Amino acid sequence: MEQSLNKATKKLELLVSQNEQCQRIIALEGVGVLGAAGLIASLSQTEHFKNGRCASVYLGVTPKQFSSGGKTVMLGIDKCAGDKQLKSCLFLGTLS
């Protein structure tokens, strides 16, 4: 089991090292091989997103917004929205 995990990790690292976009994402602080590969896989079809905020909403890394009567309240990041596994991978990378 551990050997197959190491083999898959090495394969992923090789693929990421050959991709220029992944290398630019890895250069960001707190983003590793898994996070970069996940971002490229999730956001590769850029024509689906009108702007960066739409991509952030798709990933689920924007705060919840409640608006009523002209009053806007922004809460913490929604735990249920977006790609939960990718979001947790990115957030765990920022903690290390």
Protein backbone atom coordinates (compact mmCIF):
# COMPACT_ATOMS: atom_id res chain seq x y z
CA MET A 1 0.00 0.00 0.00
CA GLU A 2 2.74 2.43 0.96
CA GLN A 3 4.75 1.57 -2.16
CA SER A 4 1.82 2.33 -4.45
CA LEU A 5 1.25 5.64 -2.64
CA ASN A 6 4.91 6.58 -3.07
CA LYS A 7 4.76 5.57 -6.73
CA ALA A 8 1.68 7.73 -7.34
CA THR A 9 3.27 10.65 -5.49
CA LYS A 10 6.42 10.44 -7.62
CA LYS A 11 4.32 10.28 -10.79
CA LEU A 12 2.32 13.35 -9.73
CA GLU A 13 5.49 15.26 -8.87
CA LEU A 14 6.93 14.42 -12.30
CA LEU A 15 3.78 15.60 -14.10
CA VAL A 16 3.66 18.83 -12.09
CA SER A 17 7.36 19.54 -12.68
CA GLN A 18 6.76 19.34 -16.45
CA ASN A 19 3.80 21.76 -16.44
CA GLU A 20 4.67 25.48 -16.57
CA GLN A 21 1.33 26.57 -15.05
CA CYS A 22 1.80 24.22 -12.10
CA GLN A 23 5.30 25.59 -11.53
CA ARG A 24 3.93 29.14 -11.31
CA ILE A 25 1.27 28.03 -8.82
CA ILE A 26 3.80 26.11 -6.70
CA ALA A 27 5.84 29.33 -6.47
CA LEU A 28 3.02 30.73 -4.31
CA GLU A 29 3.55 30.35 -0.60
CA GLY A 30 1.67 27.41 0.93
CA VAL A 31 0.79 25.68 -2.35
CA GLY A 32 2.31 22.27 -2.93
CA VAL A 33 2.24 19.66 -5.64
CA LEU A 34 -1.22 18.36 -4.78
CA GLY A 35 -2.76 21.84 -4.52
CA ALA A 36 -1.23 22.98 -7.81
CA ALA A 37 -2.40 19.87 -9.65
CA GLY A 38 -5.89 20.25 -8.18
CA LEU A 39 -6.13 23.91 -9.16
CA ILE A 40 -5.00 23.23 -12.71
CA ALA A 41 -7.45 20.34 -13.02
CA SER A 42 -10.37 22.36 -11.59
CA LEU A 43 -9.71 25.65 -13.38
CA SER A 44 -8.31 24.44 -16.70
CA GLN A 45 -11.42 25.53 -18.64
CA THR A 46 -10.97 29.28 -18.08
CA GLU A 47 -13.67 30.27 -20.56
CA HIS A 48 -16.28 29.05 -18.04
CA PHE A 49 -15.37 31.85 -15.61
CA LYS A 50 -16.18 35.49 -16.28
CA ASN A 51 -13.55 36.76 -13.82
CA GLY A 52 -11.42 35.69 -10.86
CA ARG A 53 -14.27 36.07 -8.39
CA CYS A 54 -16.35 33.54 -10.33
CA ALA A 55 -13.46 31.07 -10.16
CA SER A 56 -13.16 31.71 -6.40
CA VAL A 57 -16.86 31.05 -5.94
CA TYR A 58 -16.53 27.83 -7.92
CA LEU A 59 -13.74 26.68 -5.61
CA GLY A 60 -15.71 27.78 -2.53
CA VAL A 61 -13.12 30.15 -1.07
CA THR A 62 -15.31 33.27 -0.86
CA PRO A 63 -17.17 34.39 2.26
CA LYS A 64 -20.88 33.80 2.72
CA GLN A 65 -22.93 36.90 2.05
CA PHE A 66 -26.29 37.74 3.57
CA SER A 67 -28.03 40.84 2.28
CA SER A 68 -31.31 42.34 3.42
CA GLY A 69 -32.72 45.85 3.17
CA GLY A 70 -29.58 47.32 1.63
CA LYS A 71 -27.44 46.00 4.48
CA THR A 72 -24.73 43.49 3.52
CA VAL A 73 -23.19 41.14 6.07
CA MET A 74 -20.14 39.08 5.13
CA LEU A 75 -19.51 35.97 7.22
CA GLY A 76 -16.70 33.40 7.21
CA ILE A 77 -15.86 31.11 4.33
CA ASP A 78 -18.65 28.66 3.57
CA LYS A 79 -17.70 25.10 4.53
CA CYS A 80 -20.27 23.46 2.25
CA ALA A 81 -19.64 25.24 -1.05
CA GLY A 82 -17.13 24.33 -3.73
CA ASP A 83 -14.65 21.49 -4.02
CA LYS A 84 -14.17 20.44 -0.39
CA GLN A 85 -11.08 18.28 -0.94
CA LEU A 86 -9.21 20.91 -2.95
CA LYS A 87 -10.22 23.64 -0.54
CA SER A 88 -8.98 21.65 2.46
CA CYS A 89 -5.71 20.87 0.65
CA LEU A 90 -5.13 24.58 -0.04
CA PHE A 91 -6.04 25.66 3.48
CA LEU A 92 -3.84 22.99 5.08
CA GLY A 93 -0.98 24.20 2.89
CA THR A 94 -1.33 27.70 4.30
CA LEU A 95 -1.04 26.40 7.85
CA SER A 96 2.31 24.70 7.33
